[in-house]
Amino acid sequence: MKKIIHIAAILLSVFLAAGVKLLFHACGPKEDGSWMHCHTAENAVCICGICMAVLLLGALLLRGRKTAAIPCLLTAAAAVVTAMLPNTIIHMCMMTDMRCHAVMKPAVIILSILTALLSAVSGILHLRERA
């Protein structure tokens, strides 16, 4: 059960990183070719998703129960920060009907919170297993 939860967290973080670029991306470039702030939020979420996936993959390779729990719990904290990136940490467009507010922000929040929950559960399960 612990491995299934852990692998699900890895898949969610990979989906977050890829999805923010392919499925629920932010607004496109302006007419002059420059980008809005929501593009910065998109890039930051993608980088966070990749980092969370690497942390969780690293936890699979670690042997000690406490040692393997640390990357899981760090990922849970990183996922909470990732959920706050669009419009809390990085301000986006002022128009709330734009794609960044209507599509990207809710998708990032939902996937990040799910990743945080699964990572935290995986970390707790690592800590509770017998040595």
Protein backbone atom coordinates (compact mmCIF):
# COMPACT_ATOMS: atom_id res chain seq x y z
CA MET A 1 0.00 0.00 0.00
CA LYS A 2 2.85 2.36 0.87
CA LYS A 3 4.47 1.90 -2.55
CA ILE A 4 1.18 2.51 -4.36
CA ILE A 5 0.64 5.79 -2.51
CA HIS A 6 4.25 6.79 -3.14
CA ILE A 7 4.07 6.02 -6.86
CA ALA A 8 0.73 7.87 -7.10
CA ALA A 9 2.42 10.95 -5.58
CA ILE A 10 5.23 10.68 -8.13
CA LEU A 11 2.75 10.42 -11.00
CA LEU A 12 0.76 13.40 -9.71
CA SER A 13 3.86 15.58 -9.50
CA VAL A 14 4.91 14.54 -13.03
CA PHE A 15 1.38 15.25 -14.27
CA LEU A 16 1.51 18.66 -12.59
CA ALA A 17 4.81 19.52 -14.29
CA ALA A 18 3.73 18.29 -17.72
CA GLY A 19 0.11 19.37 -17.45
CA VAL A 20 0.91 22.98 -16.66
CA LYS A 21 2.83 23.15 -19.95
CA LEU A 22 0.54 21.04 -22.14
CA LEU A 23 -3.04 20.85 -20.81
CA PHE A 24 -3.84 23.63 -18.37
CA HIS A 25 -1.20 26.18 -19.38
CA ALA A 26 -1.46 29.90 -18.77
CA CYS A 27 -2.20 32.63 -21.26
CA GLY A 28 -0.18 32.89 -24.46
CA PRO A 29 2.16 35.73 -25.42
CA LYS A 30 0.91 39.28 -25.90
CA GLU A 31 0.66 40.83 -29.35
CA ASP A 32 4.12 42.39 -28.95
CA GLY A 33 5.66 39.00 -28.12
CA SER A 34 6.17 39.64 -24.41
CA TRP A 35 4.68 37.42 -21.71
CA MET A 36 2.34 38.20 -18.84
CA HIS A 37 3.07 37.32 -15.20
CA CYS A 38 0.96 34.18 -15.42
CA HIS A 39 3.62 32.67 -17.70
CA THR A 40 6.13 33.07 -14.88
CA ALA A 41 3.75 31.25 -12.54
CA GLU A 42 3.39 28.47 -15.13
CA ASN A 43 7.17 28.05 -15.35
CA ALA A 44 7.56 28.06 -11.57
CA VAL A 45 4.87 25.39 -11.15
CA CYS A 46 6.55 23.23 -13.80
CA ILE A 47 9.91 23.48 -12.05
CA CYS A 48 8.32 22.68 -8.68
CA GLY A 49 6.58 19.63 -10.15
CA ILE A 50 9.87 18.33 -11.53
CA CYS A 51 11.64 18.91 -8.20
CA MET A 52 8.89 17.11 -6.29
CA ALA A 53 9.09 14.14 -8.66
CA VAL A 54 12.87 13.96 -8.21
CA LEU A 55 12.54 14.12 -4.42
CA LEU A 56 9.97 11.33 -4.41
CA LEU A 57 12.03 9.20 -6.79
CA GLY A 58 15.00 9.69 -4.51
CA ALA A 59 12.94 8.50 -1.56
CA LEU A 60 12.36 5.20 -3.37
CA LEU A 61 16.11 4.61 -3.46
CA LEU A 62 16.74 5.37 0.21
CA ARG A 63 16.79 2.50 2.67
CA GLY A 64 16.22 3.77 6.20
CA ARG A 65 12.64 4.43 7.24
CA LYS A 66 13.43 7.88 8.64
CA THR A 67 15.74 8.67 5.75
CA ALA A 68 13.06 7.77 3.19
CA ALA A 69 10.42 9.78 5.07
CA ILE A 70 12.35 13.06 4.81
CA PRO A 71 11.97 13.57 1.02
CA CYS A 72 8.29 12.64 1.25
CA LEU A 73 7.62 15.23 3.94
CA LEU A 74 9.70 17.84 2.08
CA THR A 75 7.62 17.16 -1.02
CA ALA A 76 4.44 17.67 0.98
CA ALA A 77 5.70 21.10 2.07
CA ALA A 78 6.83 21.96 -1.47
CA ALA A 79 3.42 20.97 -2.85
CA VAL A 80 1.69 23.37 -0.47
CA VAL A 81 3.97 26.18 -1.67
CA THR A 82 3.30 25.15 -5.28
CA ALA A 83 -0.43 25.46 -4.68
CA MET A 84 0.13 29.05 -3.59
CA LEU A 85 2.26 30.02 -6.60
CA PRO A 86 -0.50 31.11 -8.99
CA ASN A 87 -1.91 34.44 -7.81
CA THR A 88 -0.70 34.27 -4.20
CA ILE A 89 3.07 34.29 -4.62
CA ILE A 90 3.19 35.27 -8.30
CA HIS A 91 0.42 37.67 -9.29
CA MET A 92 -1.34 36.86 -12.54
CA CYS A 93 -3.58 38.75 -14.95
CA MET A 94 -6.02 41.25 -13.53
CA MET A 95 -8.90 39.81 -15.55
CA THR A 96 -10.34 36.84 -13.67
CA ASP A 97 -11.94 35.36 -16.78
CA MET A 98 -8.56 34.73 -18.42
CA ARG A 99 -7.26 31.17 -18.90
CA CYS A 100 -4.71 31.48 -16.11
CA HIS A 101 -7.44 32.13 -13.53
CA ALA A 102 -10.13 29.89 -15.00
CA VAL A 103 -8.06 26.81 -15.90
CA MET A 104 -4.48 26.87 -14.65
CA LYS A 105 -5.00 28.13 -11.10
CA PRO A 106 -7.69 25.58 -10.07
CA ALA A 107 -5.80 22.69 -11.70
CA VAL A 108 -2.54 23.63 -9.96
CA ILE A 109 -4.25 23.98 -6.59
CA ILE A 110 -6.06 20.64 -6.84
CA LEU A 111 -3.06 18.67 -8.10
CA SER A 112 -0.69 20.29 -5.61
CA ILE A 113 -2.94 19.58 -2.63
CA LEU A 114 -3.41 15.97 -3.75
CA THR A 115 0.36 15.62 -4.12
CA ALA A 116 0.85 17.12 -0.66
CA LEU A 117 -1.62 14.70 0.89
CA LEU A 118 -0.19 11.62 -0.78
CA SER A 119 3.39 12.65 0.00
CA ALA A 120 2.55 13.30 3.64
CA VAL A 121 0.78 9.94 3.93
CA SER A 122 3.76 8.23 2.31
CA GLY A 123 6.14 9.95 4.72
CA ILE A 124 4.02 8.98 7.73
CA LEU A 125 3.84 5.39 6.51
CA HIS A 126 7.63 5.34 6.19
CA LEU A 127 7.95 6.56 9.77
CA ARG A 128 5.45 4.05 11.13
CA GLU A 129 6.96 0.95 9.52
CA ARG A 130 8.95 -1.37 11.70
CA ALA A 131 12.71 -1.21 11.44
